[in-house]
């Protein structure tokens, strides 16, 4: 594994200075701590809460409680994680975390009752979800040959968006529950990656979790 990482680092060394391989993509050597675990935990927790609502856990029918999480955890915290990826030179991490941070903040704005947005959306919410389904699929294409863990994460998230988008256009409640199931799977994969990243940063970690890096050339 150490030799594979050195090969990746050599591949990405260039005019801008040495690069190091990370699970989100190559990044510059810097004194900035890895912001990925923060972004992953924020994303996972918000996704888990919304998905539990989508599967109607304990008869919950209103997603109002998710709004606060979407603004501050999935939104602001994840957006900050994306901003910190930029000075590290991590294109994928910066783009993905910033994008999903913006997604959660926009989602929260839609569901704030006083905004009046949801009342005017009707089927347009399906278009909103469809756009994020496409963005997620594009992110999947970027990692599918490089990282097994992110491939699984973005595959599950893409399927969740597919189900939720279809539910908006068809009105089928079973598709909402299916989207919730895929969302829960997505959340637990994100938790797994987040724990792995935190453990990797600790020199005396109790255990390590493999993430399945595929490409070394």
N, C-alpha and C. Protein backbone atom coordinates (compact mmCIF):
# COMPACT_ATOMS: atom_id res chain seq x y z
N UNK A 1 0.83 -1.21 0.00
CA UNK A 1 0.00 0.00 0.00
C UNK A 1 0.86 1.25 0.00
N UNK A 2 1.97 1.24 0.78
CA UNK A 2 2.85 2.40 0.84
C UNK A 2 3.47 2.68 -0.53
N UNK A 3 3.91 1.59 -1.24
CA UNK A 3 4.51 1.77 -2.55
C UNK A 3 3.50 2.29 -3.55
N UNK A 4 2.24 1.83 -3.45
CA UNK A 4 1.19 2.30 -4.34
C UNK A 4 0.95 3.78 -4.15
N UNK A 5 0.93 4.24 -2.89
CA UNK A 5 0.72 5.66 -2.61
C UNK A 5 1.87 6.50 -3.14
N UNK A 6 3.10 5.96 -3.05
CA UNK A 6 4.24 6.70 -3.58
C UNK A 6 4.12 6.86 -5.09
N UNK A 7 3.65 5.78 -5.77
CA UNK A 7 3.49 5.84 -7.22
C UNK A 7 2.46 6.90 -7.61
N UNK A 8 1.36 6.96 -6.86
CA UNK A 8 0.33 7.96 -7.14
C UNK A 8 0.87 9.36 -6.88
N UNK A 9 1.64 9.51 -5.79
CA UNK A 9 2.21 10.81 -5.45
C UNK A 9 3.16 11.28 -6.54
N UNK A 10 4.00 10.35 -7.07
CA UNK A 10 4.93 10.70 -8.12
C UNK A 10 4.19 11.11 -9.39
N UNK A 11 3.08 10.43 -9.65
CA UNK A 11 2.29 10.73 -10.84
C UNK A 11 1.77 12.15 -10.81
N UNK A 12 1.36 12.62 -9.63
CA UNK A 12 0.73 13.93 -9.52
C UNK A 12 1.70 15.04 -9.11
N UNK A 13 3.00 14.73 -9.01
CA UNK A 13 3.97 15.77 -8.70
C UNK A 13 4.21 16.60 -9.97
N UNK A 14 4.14 17.89 -9.85
CA UNK A 14 4.30 18.74 -11.03
C UNK A 14 4.78 20.12 -10.67
N UNK A 15 4.43 21.08 -11.52
CA UNK A 15 4.91 22.43 -11.34
C UNK A 15 4.39 23.08 -10.07
N UNK A 16 3.21 22.67 -9.61
CA UNK A 16 2.62 23.29 -8.44
C UNK A 16 3.12 22.68 -7.13
N UNK A 17 4.06 21.77 -7.22
CA UNK A 17 4.61 21.17 -6.02
C UNK A 17 4.14 19.74 -5.84
N UNK A 18 4.70 19.03 -4.87
CA UNK A 18 4.36 17.63 -4.66
C UNK A 18 2.90 17.44 -4.24
N UNK A 19 2.33 16.35 -4.70
CA UNK A 19 0.95 16.03 -4.37
C UNK A 19 0.93 14.72 -3.58
N UNK A 20 -0.09 14.56 -2.76
CA UNK A 20 -0.26 13.32 -2.02
C UNK A 20 -1.60 12.70 -2.41
N UNK A 21 -1.67 11.36 -2.47
CA UNK A 21 -2.94 10.71 -2.79
C UNK A 21 -3.87 10.72 -1.59
N UNK A 22 -5.09 11.12 -1.76
CA UNK A 22 -6.09 11.02 -0.71
C UNK A 22 -7.27 10.25 -1.27
N UNK A 23 -8.18 9.87 -0.42
CA UNK A 23 -9.33 9.09 -0.87
C UNK A 23 -10.29 9.90 -1.71
N UNK A 24 -10.18 11.26 -1.66
CA UNK A 24 -11.02 12.11 -2.48
C UNK A 24 -10.29 12.59 -3.73
N UNK A 25 -9.01 12.23 -3.85
CA UNK A 25 -8.24 12.67 -5.00
C UNK A 25 -6.90 13.23 -4.58
N UNK A 26 -6.01 13.56 -5.53
CA UNK A 26 -4.70 14.10 -5.19
C UNK A 26 -4.82 15.48 -4.56
N UNK A 27 -3.98 15.75 -3.55
CA UNK A 27 -4.01 17.03 -2.85
C UNK A 27 -2.58 17.52 -2.61
N UNK A 28 -2.44 18.83 -2.46
CA UNK A 28 -1.13 19.40 -2.17
C UNK A 28 -0.70 19.06 -0.75
N UNK A 29 0.62 18.90 -0.58
CA UNK A 29 1.17 18.80 0.76
C UNK A 29 1.00 20.16 1.43
N UNK A 30 0.36 20.20 2.59
CA UNK A 30 0.13 21.46 3.27
C UNK A 30 -0.07 21.20 4.76
N UNK A 31 -0.17 22.29 5.50
CA UNK A 31 -0.43 22.15 6.93
C UNK A 31 -1.90 22.10 7.25
N UNK A 32 -2.75 22.05 6.24
CA UNK A 32 -4.19 22.03 6.45
C UNK A 32 -4.65 20.61 6.73
N UNK A 33 -5.35 20.43 7.82
CA UNK A 33 -5.85 19.10 8.17
C UNK A 33 -6.89 18.65 7.14
N UNK A 34 -7.05 17.35 7.02
CA UNK A 34 -8.00 16.79 6.07
C UNK A 34 -9.43 17.13 6.51
N UNK A 35 -10.18 17.93 5.72
CA UNK A 35 -11.54 18.31 6.11
C UNK A 35 -12.58 17.27 5.71
N UNK A 36 -12.16 16.20 5.02
CA UNK A 36 -13.11 15.22 4.51
C UNK A 36 -13.96 14.56 5.60
N UNK A 37 -13.38 14.12 6.74
CA UNK A 37 -14.22 13.50 7.76
C UNK A 37 -15.33 14.42 8.25
N UNK A 38 -15.03 15.69 8.43
CA UNK A 38 -16.05 16.65 8.87
C UNK A 38 -17.19 16.71 7.85
N UNK A 39 -16.83 16.82 6.57
CA UNK A 39 -17.84 16.87 5.53
C UNK A 39 -18.63 15.58 5.43
N UNK A 40 -17.95 14.45 5.57
CA UNK A 40 -18.62 13.16 5.45
C UNK A 40 -19.60 12.92 6.60
N UNK A 41 -19.19 13.23 7.81
CA UNK A 41 -20.09 13.03 8.96
C UNK A 41 -21.30 13.95 8.87
N UNK A 42 -21.08 15.19 8.42
CA UNK A 42 -22.20 16.13 8.27
C UNK A 42 -23.17 15.63 7.20
N UNK A 43 -22.62 15.17 6.08
CA UNK A 43 -23.43 14.65 5.00
C UNK A 43 -24.19 13.40 5.44
N UNK A 44 -23.48 12.48 6.10
CA UNK A 44 -24.09 11.21 6.52
C UNK A 44 -25.22 11.43 7.51
N UNK A 45 -25.01 12.30 8.49
CA UNK A 45 -26.01 12.51 9.52
C UNK A 45 -27.28 13.16 8.96
N UNK A 46 -27.10 14.14 8.07
CA UNK A 46 -28.26 14.80 7.48
C UNK A 46 -29.01 13.85 6.55
N UNK A 47 -28.27 13.10 5.75
CA UNK A 47 -28.88 12.13 4.84
C UNK A 47 -29.62 11.05 5.62
N UNK A 48 -29.04 10.60 6.72
CA UNK A 48 -29.67 9.56 7.55
C UNK A 48 -31.01 10.06 8.11
N UNK A 49 -31.01 11.29 8.62
CA UNK A 49 -32.24 11.84 9.20
C UNK A 49 -33.34 11.97 8.15
N UNK A 50 -33.00 12.51 6.99
CA UNK A 50 -34.01 12.68 5.94
C UNK A 50 -34.50 11.32 5.44
N UNK A 51 -33.60 10.37 5.32
CA UNK A 51 -33.97 9.05 4.81
C UNK A 51 -34.85 8.30 5.79
N UNK A 52 -34.62 8.48 7.08
CA UNK A 52 -35.49 7.86 8.07
C UNK A 52 -36.90 8.43 7.97
N UNK A 53 -36.99 9.71 7.64
CA UNK A 53 -38.30 10.32 7.40
C UNK A 53 -38.94 9.73 6.14
N UNK A 54 -38.13 9.53 5.09
CA UNK A 54 -38.66 9.02 3.83
C UNK A 54 -39.19 7.59 3.95
N UNK A 55 -38.66 6.81 4.88
CA UNK A 55 -39.18 5.46 5.07
C UNK A 55 -40.27 5.43 6.14
N UNK A 56 -40.69 6.61 6.58
CA UNK A 56 -41.79 6.76 7.55
C UNK A 56 -41.50 6.05 8.87
N UNK A 57 -40.28 6.21 9.37
CA UNK A 57 -39.91 5.62 10.65
C UNK A 57 -40.80 6.14 11.77
N UNK A 58 -41.40 5.23 12.53
CA UNK A 58 -42.27 5.55 13.66
C UNK A 58 -43.40 6.51 13.25
N UNK A 59 -43.84 6.41 12.02
CA UNK A 59 -44.98 7.19 11.57
C UNK A 59 -44.72 8.67 11.34
N UNK A 60 -43.46 9.07 11.24
CA UNK A 60 -43.13 10.49 11.01
C UNK A 60 -43.59 10.89 9.62
N UNK A 61 -44.32 11.99 9.53
CA UNK A 61 -44.85 12.45 8.25
C UNK A 61 -44.37 13.85 7.86
N UNK A 62 -43.67 14.54 8.75
CA UNK A 62 -43.18 15.88 8.44
C UNK A 62 -41.66 15.91 8.60
N UNK A 63 -40.98 16.54 7.64
CA UNK A 63 -39.52 16.58 7.64
C UNK A 63 -38.96 17.87 8.23
N UNK A 64 -39.76 18.60 9.00
CA UNK A 64 -39.32 19.91 9.52
C UNK A 64 -38.03 19.82 10.33
N UNK A 65 -37.85 18.71 11.07
CA UNK A 65 -36.67 18.58 11.92
C UNK A 65 -35.39 18.52 11.09
N UNK A 66 -35.52 18.15 9.83
CA UNK A 66 -34.34 18.04 8.97
C UNK A 66 -33.83 19.41 8.56
N UNK A 67 -34.69 20.42 8.58
CA UNK A 67 -34.32 21.75 8.09
C UNK A 67 -33.10 22.30 8.82
N UNK A 68 -33.11 22.23 10.15
CA UNK A 68 -31.98 22.73 10.92
C UNK A 68 -30.69 22.00 10.59
N UNK A 69 -30.77 20.66 10.49
CA UNK A 69 -29.59 19.86 10.12
C UNK A 69 -29.12 20.22 8.71
N UNK A 70 -30.07 20.43 7.79
CA UNK A 70 -29.71 20.73 6.41
C UNK A 70 -29.00 22.07 6.29
N UNK A 71 -29.37 23.03 7.13
CA UNK A 71 -28.74 24.35 7.08
C UNK A 71 -27.33 24.31 7.67
N UNK A 72 -27.22 23.77 8.87
CA UNK A 72 -25.96 23.90 9.61
C UNK A 72 -25.01 22.71 9.48
N UNK A 73 -25.52 21.50 9.37
CA UNK A 73 -24.65 20.32 9.27
C UNK A 73 -24.41 19.97 7.81
N UNK A 74 -25.44 19.44 7.15
CA UNK A 74 -25.29 19.08 5.75
C UNK A 74 -24.95 20.27 4.87
N UNK A 75 -25.42 21.45 5.24
CA UNK A 75 -25.18 22.64 4.43
C UNK A 75 -23.90 23.37 4.77
N UNK A 76 -23.92 24.13 5.85
CA UNK A 76 -22.78 24.99 6.19
C UNK A 76 -21.51 24.20 6.47
N UNK A 77 -21.59 23.17 7.31
CA UNK A 77 -20.40 22.40 7.66
C UNK A 77 -19.77 21.75 6.45
N UNK A 78 -20.61 21.17 5.60
CA UNK A 78 -20.08 20.50 4.42
C UNK A 78 -19.51 21.51 3.41
N UNK A 79 -20.15 22.66 3.31
CA UNK A 79 -19.65 23.71 2.42
C UNK A 79 -18.28 24.19 2.88
N UNK A 80 -18.11 24.34 4.20
CA UNK A 80 -16.81 24.75 4.75
C UNK A 80 -15.75 23.70 4.43
N UNK A 81 -16.13 22.42 4.56
CA UNK A 81 -15.20 21.33 4.23
C UNK A 81 -14.74 21.46 2.78
N UNK A 82 -15.68 21.78 1.89
CA UNK A 82 -15.32 21.97 0.49
C UNK A 82 -14.38 23.14 0.28
N UNK A 83 -14.62 24.23 1.01
CA UNK A 83 -13.74 25.40 0.89
C UNK A 83 -12.31 25.07 1.33
N UNK A 84 -12.18 24.23 2.36
CA UNK A 84 -10.85 23.87 2.85
C UNK A 84 -10.14 22.90 1.90
N UNK A 85 -10.91 22.21 1.06
CA UNK A 85 -10.29 21.32 0.08
C UNK A 85 -9.64 22.11 -1.05
N UNK A 86 -10.12 23.31 -1.31
CA UNK A 86 -9.56 24.12 -2.40
C UNK A 86 -8.08 24.44 -2.17
N UNK A 87 -7.67 24.98 -1.02
CA UNK A 87 -6.25 25.27 -0.84
C UNK A 87 -5.39 24.01 -0.79
N UNK A 88 -5.99 22.86 -0.56
CA UNK A 88 -5.23 21.61 -0.60
C UNK A 88 -5.07 21.11 -2.03
N UNK A 89 -5.72 21.77 -2.97
CA UNK A 89 -5.60 21.37 -4.37
C UNK A 89 -6.40 20.14 -4.73
N UNK A 90 -7.37 19.78 -3.90
CA UNK A 90 -8.17 18.59 -4.12
C UNK A 90 -9.43 18.97 -4.91
N UNK A 91 -9.38 18.76 -6.21
CA UNK A 91 -10.48 19.21 -7.08
C UNK A 91 -11.78 18.48 -6.78
N UNK A 92 -11.71 17.15 -6.71
CA UNK A 92 -12.93 16.38 -6.48
C UNK A 92 -13.54 16.68 -5.12
N UNK A 93 -12.71 16.64 -4.07
CA UNK A 93 -13.21 16.90 -2.72
C UNK A 93 -13.80 18.28 -2.60
N UNK A 94 -13.12 19.28 -3.17
CA UNK A 94 -13.62 20.66 -3.10
C UNK A 94 -14.95 20.80 -3.83
N UNK A 95 -15.04 20.21 -5.01
CA UNK A 95 -16.26 20.33 -5.80
C UNK A 95 -17.42 19.57 -5.17
N UNK A 96 -17.16 18.35 -4.73
CA UNK A 96 -18.23 17.51 -4.18
C UNK A 96 -18.77 18.06 -2.87
N UNK A 97 -17.89 18.36 -1.91
CA UNK A 97 -18.35 18.85 -0.61
C UNK A 97 -19.06 20.20 -0.75
N UNK A 98 -18.50 21.09 -1.56
CA UNK A 98 -19.13 22.41 -1.74
C UNK A 98 -20.50 22.26 -2.40
N UNK A 99 -20.57 21.38 -3.40
CA UNK A 99 -21.83 21.18 -4.12
C UNK A 99 -22.92 20.62 -3.21
N UNK A 100 -22.59 19.59 -2.45
CA UNK A 100 -23.60 18.99 -1.58
C UNK A 100 -23.93 19.89 -0.39
N UNK A 101 -22.97 20.72 0.02
CA UNK A 101 -23.28 21.72 1.03
C UNK A 101 -24.32 22.68 0.51
N UNK A 102 -24.13 23.12 -0.75
CA UNK A 102 -25.11 24.02 -1.38
C UNK A 102 -26.45 23.31 -1.56
N UNK A 103 -26.40 22.02 -1.89
CA UNK A 103 -27.64 21.25 -2.04
C UNK A 103 -28.46 21.27 -0.76
N UNK A 104 -27.81 20.98 0.36
CA UNK A 104 -28.56 20.89 1.62
C UNK A 104 -29.09 22.26 2.05
N UNK A 105 -28.33 23.31 1.80
CA UNK A 105 -28.83 24.64 2.17
C UNK A 105 -30.02 25.03 1.29
N UNK A 106 -29.96 24.69 0.01
CA UNK A 106 -31.08 25.00 -0.88
C UNK A 106 -32.29 24.13 -0.52
N UNK A 107 -32.04 22.89 -0.14
CA UNK A 107 -33.13 22.00 0.28
C UNK A 107 -33.82 22.58 1.52
N UNK A 108 -33.04 23.06 2.46
CA UNK A 108 -33.61 23.64 3.67
C UNK A 108 -34.46 24.86 3.34
N UNK A 109 -33.96 25.68 2.41
CA UNK A 109 -34.71 26.88 2.02
C UNK A 109 -36.06 26.51 1.43
N UNK A 110 -36.10 25.43 0.66
CA UNK A 110 -37.35 24.99 0.05
C UNK A 110 -38.37 24.59 1.11
N UNK A 111 -37.90 23.94 2.18
CA UNK A 111 -38.81 23.39 3.17
C UNK A 111 -39.07 24.30 4.36
N UNK A 112 -38.52 25.50 4.36
CA UNK A 112 -38.89 26.48 5.38
C UNK A 112 -40.27 27.00 5.03
N UNK A 113 -41.28 26.75 5.86
CA UNK A 113 -42.66 27.10 5.51
C UNK A 113 -42.84 28.55 5.10
N UNK A 114 -42.19 29.47 5.80
CA UNK A 114 -42.39 30.89 5.52
C UNK A 114 -41.80 31.33 4.18
N UNK A 115 -40.94 30.48 3.57
CA UNK A 115 -40.34 30.86 2.29
C UNK A 115 -41.36 30.83 1.16
N UNK A 116 -42.37 29.96 1.29
CA UNK A 116 -43.39 29.84 0.26
C UNK A 116 -42.92 29.13 -1.00
N UNK A 117 -41.68 28.62 -0.98
CA UNK A 117 -41.13 27.98 -2.18
C UNK A 117 -41.83 26.66 -2.47
N UNK A 118 -42.01 25.84 -1.44
CA UNK A 118 -42.58 24.52 -1.65
C UNK A 118 -44.00 24.60 -2.21
N UNK A 119 -44.74 25.60 -1.78
CA UNK A 119 -46.12 25.74 -2.26
C UNK A 119 -46.17 26.03 -3.75
N UNK A 120 -45.12 26.65 -4.26
CA UNK A 120 -45.10 27.01 -5.68
C UNK A 120 -44.42 25.97 -6.55
N UNK A 121 -43.80 24.96 -5.94
CA UNK A 121 -43.00 24.01 -6.72
C UNK A 121 -43.84 23.00 -7.50
N UNK A 122 -44.78 22.36 -6.79
CA UNK A 122 -45.58 21.27 -7.35
C UNK A 122 -44.61 20.23 -7.93
N UNK A 123 -44.69 19.94 -9.24
CA UNK A 123 -43.83 18.92 -9.84
C UNK A 123 -42.43 19.43 -10.11
N UNK A 124 -42.19 20.73 -9.95
CA UNK A 124 -40.86 21.28 -10.20
C UNK A 124 -39.83 20.72 -9.22
N UNK A 125 -40.31 20.23 -8.06
CA UNK A 125 -39.37 19.63 -7.11
C UNK A 125 -38.73 18.38 -7.71
N UNK A 126 -39.45 17.71 -8.59
CA UNK A 126 -38.87 16.56 -9.29
C UNK A 126 -37.73 16.98 -10.19
N UNK A 127 -37.87 18.14 -10.84
CA UNK A 127 -36.79 18.66 -11.69
C UNK A 127 -35.58 19.01 -10.83
N UNK A 128 -35.85 19.58 -9.66
CA UNK A 128 -34.78 19.92 -8.71
C UNK A 128 -33.99 18.66 -8.34
N UNK A 129 -34.70 17.58 -7.98
CA UNK A 129 -34.04 16.33 -7.61
C UNK A 129 -33.33 15.70 -8.80
N UNK A 130 -33.93 15.82 -9.99
CA UNK A 130 -33.32 15.24 -11.19
C UNK A 130 -31.97 15.90 -11.49
N UNK A 131 -31.89 17.21 -11.26
CA UNK A 131 -30.62 17.90 -11.52
C UNK A 131 -29.53 17.38 -10.60
N UNK A 132 -29.87 17.11 -9.33
CA UNK A 132 -28.88 16.59 -8.40
C UNK A 132 -28.58 15.13 -8.64
N UNK A 133 -29.52 14.41 -9.21
CA UNK A 133 -29.26 13.04 -9.64
C UNK A 133 -28.17 13.03 -10.72
N UNK A 134 -28.25 13.96 -11.66
CA UNK A 134 -27.26 14.04 -12.73
C UNK A 134 -25.89 14.45 -12.18
N UNK A 135 -25.88 15.44 -11.29
CA UNK A 135 -24.61 15.88 -10.69
C UNK A 135 -23.94 14.72 -9.95
N UNK A 136 -24.74 13.97 -9.20
CA UNK A 136 -24.20 12.83 -8.46
C UNK A 136 -23.64 11.78 -9.39
N UNK A 137 -24.33 11.52 -10.49
CA UNK A 137 -23.83 10.55 -11.47
C UNK A 137 -22.52 11.01 -12.08
N UNK A 138 -22.38 12.31 -12.34
CA UNK A 138 -21.13 12.83 -12.88
C UNK A 138 -19.99 12.66 -11.87
N UNK A 139 -20.28 12.87 -10.58
CA UNK A 139 -19.26 12.63 -9.55
C UNK A 139 -18.87 11.15 -9.53
N UNK A 140 -19.85 10.28 -9.72
CA UNK A 140 -19.59 8.84 -9.74
C UNK A 140 -18.61 8.48 -10.85
N UNK A 141 -18.78 9.09 -12.01
CA UNK A 141 -17.89 8.81 -13.14
C UNK A 141 -16.44 9.17 -12.81
N UNK A 142 -16.26 10.18 -11.95
CA UNK A 142 -14.91 10.64 -11.62
C UNK A 142 -14.16 9.67 -10.72
N UNK A 143 -14.87 8.85 -9.96
CA UNK A 143 -14.20 7.99 -8.97
C UNK A 143 -14.31 6.50 -9.26
N UNK A 144 -15.09 6.14 -10.28
CA UNK A 144 -15.44 4.73 -10.45
C UNK A 144 -14.23 3.85 -10.74
N UNK A 145 -13.16 4.41 -11.29
CA UNK A 145 -11.96 3.61 -11.57
C UNK A 145 -10.87 3.83 -10.52
N UNK A 146 -11.17 4.63 -9.51
CA UNK A 146 -10.12 4.96 -8.54
C UNK A 146 -10.40 4.50 -7.13
N UNK A 147 -11.64 4.58 -6.68
CA UNK A 147 -11.91 4.37 -5.27
C UNK A 147 -13.20 3.58 -5.08
N UNK A 148 -13.09 2.39 -4.46
CA UNK A 148 -14.26 1.53 -4.28
C UNK A 148 -15.27 2.13 -3.32
N UNK A 149 -14.80 2.71 -2.23
CA UNK A 149 -15.71 3.24 -1.21
C UNK A 149 -16.55 4.39 -1.76
N UNK A 150 -15.93 5.33 -2.46
CA UNK A 150 -16.69 6.44 -3.03
C UNK A 150 -17.56 5.98 -4.20
N UNK A 151 -17.14 4.94 -4.90
CA UNK A 151 -17.98 4.37 -5.95
C UNK A 151 -19.28 3.84 -5.37
N UNK A 152 -19.19 3.10 -4.27
CA UNK A 152 -20.38 2.57 -3.61
C UNK A 152 -21.24 3.71 -3.06
N UNK A 153 -20.58 4.70 -2.45
CA UNK A 153 -21.31 5.84 -1.87
C UNK A 153 -22.13 6.57 -2.93
N UNK A 154 -21.48 6.93 -4.02
CA UNK A 154 -22.15 7.73 -5.04
C UNK A 154 -23.13 6.89 -5.86
N UNK A 155 -22.89 5.59 -5.95
CA UNK A 155 -23.86 4.71 -6.63
C UNK A 155 -25.16 4.65 -5.83
N UNK A 156 -25.03 4.46 -4.51
CA UNK A 156 -26.22 4.41 -3.65
C UNK A 156 -26.94 5.75 -3.66
N UNK A 157 -26.19 6.85 -3.64
CA UNK A 157 -26.81 8.17 -3.64
C UNK A 157 -27.51 8.44 -4.97
N UNK A 158 -26.91 8.01 -6.07
CA UNK A 158 -27.55 8.18 -7.37
C UNK A 158 -28.88 7.44 -7.42
N UNK A 159 -28.89 6.21 -6.91
CA UNK A 159 -30.13 5.42 -6.88
C UNK A 159 -31.19 6.07 -5.98
N UNK A 160 -30.73 6.66 -4.88
CA UNK A 160 -31.67 7.36 -4.00
C UNK A 160 -32.33 8.53 -4.74
N UNK A 161 -31.52 9.30 -5.47
CA UNK A 161 -32.07 10.42 -6.24
C UNK A 161 -32.99 9.93 -7.35
N UNK A 162 -32.64 8.81 -7.99
CA UNK A 162 -33.48 8.25 -9.04
C UNK A 162 -34.87 7.93 -8.49
N UNK A 163 -34.90 7.24 -7.34
CA UNK A 163 -36.17 6.86 -6.73
C UNK A 163 -36.98 8.08 -6.29
N UNK A 164 -36.32 9.03 -5.66
CA UNK A 164 -37.04 10.21 -5.17
C UNK A 164 -37.53 11.09 -6.31
N UNK A 165 -36.73 11.17 -7.39
CA UNK A 165 -37.17 11.94 -8.55
C UNK A 165 -38.39 11.29 -9.20
N UNK A 166 -38.32 9.98 -9.37
CA UNK A 166 -39.45 9.25 -9.97
C UNK A 166 -40.70 9.38 -9.09
N UNK A 167 -40.51 9.39 -7.78
CA UNK A 167 -41.65 9.51 -6.87
C UNK A 167 -42.35 10.84 -7.05
N UNK A 168 -41.58 11.91 -7.30
CA UNK A 168 -42.18 13.23 -7.49
C UNK A 168 -43.02 13.30 -8.77
N UNK A 169 -42.58 12.59 -9.80
CA UNK A 169 -43.29 12.64 -11.07
C UNK A 169 -44.45 11.65 -11.15
N UNK A 170 -44.37 10.56 -10.37
CA UNK A 170 -45.41 9.53 -10.43
C UNK A 170 -46.35 9.56 -9.24
N UNK A 171 -45.90 10.14 -8.11
CA UNK A 171 -46.71 10.15 -6.90
C UNK A 171 -46.76 8.81 -6.21
N UNK A 172 -45.85 7.92 -6.56
CA UNK A 172 -45.81 6.58 -5.97
C UNK A 172 -45.08 6.62 -4.62
N UNK A 173 -45.78 6.38 -3.49
CA UNK A 173 -45.14 6.44 -2.18
C UNK A 173 -44.09 5.34 -1.97
N UNK A 174 -44.21 4.23 -2.70
CA UNK A 174 -43.22 3.16 -2.57
C UNK A 174 -41.85 3.61 -3.07
N UNK A 175 -41.85 4.50 -4.06
CA UNK A 175 -40.57 5.02 -4.57
C UNK A 175 -39.91 5.93 -3.54
N UNK A 176 -40.71 6.65 -2.77
CA UNK A 176 -40.15 7.49 -1.71
C UNK A 176 -39.47 6.61 -0.66
N UNK A 177 -40.13 5.52 -0.30
CA UNK A 177 -39.53 4.60 0.68
C UNK A 177 -38.27 3.95 0.11
N UNK A 178 -38.30 3.61 -1.18
CA UNK A 178 -37.11 3.03 -1.81
C UNK A 178 -35.96 4.03 -1.78
N UNK A 179 -36.29 5.30 -2.06
CA UNK A 179 -35.27 6.35 -1.98
C UNK A 179 -34.72 6.49 -0.57
N UNK A 180 -35.62 6.34 0.42
CA UNK A 180 -35.18 6.39 1.81
C UNK A 180 -34.24 5.26 2.16
N UNK A 181 -34.53 4.07 1.64
CA UNK A 181 -33.66 2.91 1.90
C UNK A 181 -32.27 3.14 1.32
N UNK A 182 -32.23 3.59 0.06
CA UNK A 182 -30.93 3.87 -0.56
C UNK A 182 -30.22 5.03 0.16
N UNK A 183 -31.00 5.97 0.69
CA UNK A 183 -30.41 7.07 1.44
C UNK A 183 -29.76 6.59 2.72
N UNK A 184 -30.41 5.66 3.41
CA UNK A 184 -29.85 5.10 4.64
C UNK A 184 -28.56 4.34 4.33
N UNK A 185 -28.58 3.57 3.24
CA UNK A 185 -27.36 2.86 2.83
C UNK A 185 -26.25 3.86 2.54
N UNK A 186 -26.60 4.94 1.84
CA UNK A 186 -25.62 6.00 1.54
C UNK A 186 -25.04 6.59 2.81
N UNK A 187 -25.89 6.85 3.80
CA UNK A 187 -25.44 7.45 5.05
C UNK A 187 -24.44 6.55 5.76
N UNK A 188 -24.72 5.25 5.82
CA UNK A 188 -23.82 4.35 6.53
C UNK A 188 -22.50 4.17 5.79
N UNK A 189 -22.53 4.20 4.46
CA UNK A 189 -21.27 4.16 3.71
C UNK A 189 -20.45 5.41 4.00
N UNK A 190 -21.13 6.57 4.04
CA UNK A 190 -20.43 7.83 4.35
C UNK A 190 -19.86 7.81 5.76
N UNK A 191 -20.61 7.25 6.72
CA UNK A 191 -20.09 7.11 8.08
C UNK A 191 -18.83 6.24 8.07
N UNK A 192 -18.89 5.14 7.33
CA UNK A 192 -17.74 4.23 7.26
C UNK A 192 -16.50 4.94 6.73
N UNK A 193 -16.69 5.70 5.63
CA UNK A 193 -15.55 6.42 5.05
C UNK A 193 -15.03 7.47 6.03
N UNK A 194 -15.96 8.17 6.70
CA UNK A 194 -15.56 9.19 7.66
C UNK A 194 -14.74 8.61 8.80
N UNK A 195 -15.19 7.48 9.35
CA UNK A 195 -14.44 6.83 10.43
C UNK A 195 -13.07 6.39 9.92
N UNK A 196 -13.02 5.85 8.70
CA UNK A 196 -11.75 5.42 8.13
C UNK A 196 -10.78 6.59 7.99
N UNK A 197 -11.29 7.74 7.55
CA UNK A 197 -10.45 8.93 7.38
C UNK A 197 -9.92 9.42 8.73
N UNK A 198 -10.77 9.42 9.74
CA UNK A 198 -10.34 9.87 11.07
C UNK A 198 -9.28 8.93 11.62
N UNK A 199 -9.50 7.63 11.50
CA UNK A 199 -8.53 6.65 12.00
C UNK A 199 -7.20 6.75 11.26
N UNK A 200 -7.27 7.03 9.97
CA UNK A 200 -6.05 7.15 9.18
C UNK A 200 -5.20 8.34 9.62
N UNK A 201 -5.84 9.36 10.19
CA UNK A 201 -5.12 10.55 10.63
C UNK A 201 -4.50 10.39 12.02
N UNK A 202 -4.89 9.31 12.72
CA UNK A 202 -4.39 9.08 14.07
C UNK A 202 -3.26 8.06 14.06
N UNK A 203 -2.13 8.45 14.62
CA UNK A 203 -0.99 7.55 14.64
C UNK A 203 -1.18 6.35 15.54
N UNK A 204 -2.02 6.47 16.54
CA UNK A 204 -2.24 5.37 17.49
C UNK A 204 -3.68 4.90 17.44
N UNK A 205 -4.25 4.88 16.25
CA UNK A 205 -5.65 4.48 16.09
C UNK A 205 -5.85 3.03 16.54
N UNK A 206 -7.01 2.76 17.11
CA UNK A 206 -7.34 1.41 17.59
C UNK A 206 -7.45 0.42 16.45
N UNK A 207 -7.93 0.90 15.29
CA UNK A 207 -8.08 0.03 14.12
C UNK A 207 -8.08 0.88 12.86
N UNK A 208 -7.95 0.23 11.72
CA UNK A 208 -7.99 0.89 10.42
C UNK A 208 -9.11 0.26 9.60
N UNK A 209 -9.69 1.05 8.72
CA UNK A 209 -10.75 0.56 7.84
C UNK A 209 -10.32 0.74 6.40
N UNK A 210 -10.26 -0.33 5.61
CA UNK A 210 -9.86 -0.21 4.21
C UNK A 210 -10.93 0.48 3.38
N UNK A 211 -10.49 1.24 2.38
CA UNK A 211 -11.44 1.95 1.52
C UNK A 211 -11.39 1.48 0.07
N UNK A 212 -10.45 0.61 -0.25
CA UNK A 212 -10.42 0.03 -1.59
C UNK A 212 -10.01 0.98 -2.67
N UNK A 213 -8.75 1.44 -2.66
CA UNK A 213 -8.23 2.29 -3.72
C UNK A 213 -7.83 1.38 -4.88
N UNK A 214 -8.42 1.60 -6.06
CA UNK A 214 -8.19 0.73 -7.19
C UNK A 214 -7.04 1.17 -8.07
N UNK A 215 -7.05 2.42 -8.51
CA UNK A 215 -6.10 2.87 -9.52
C UNK A 215 -4.79 3.32 -8.88
N UNK A 216 -3.66 2.88 -9.43
CA UNK A 216 -2.35 3.29 -8.93
C UNK A 216 -1.47 3.80 -10.05
N UNK A 217 -2.03 4.00 -11.21
CA UNK A 217 -1.22 4.45 -12.34
C UNK A 217 -1.77 5.73 -12.95
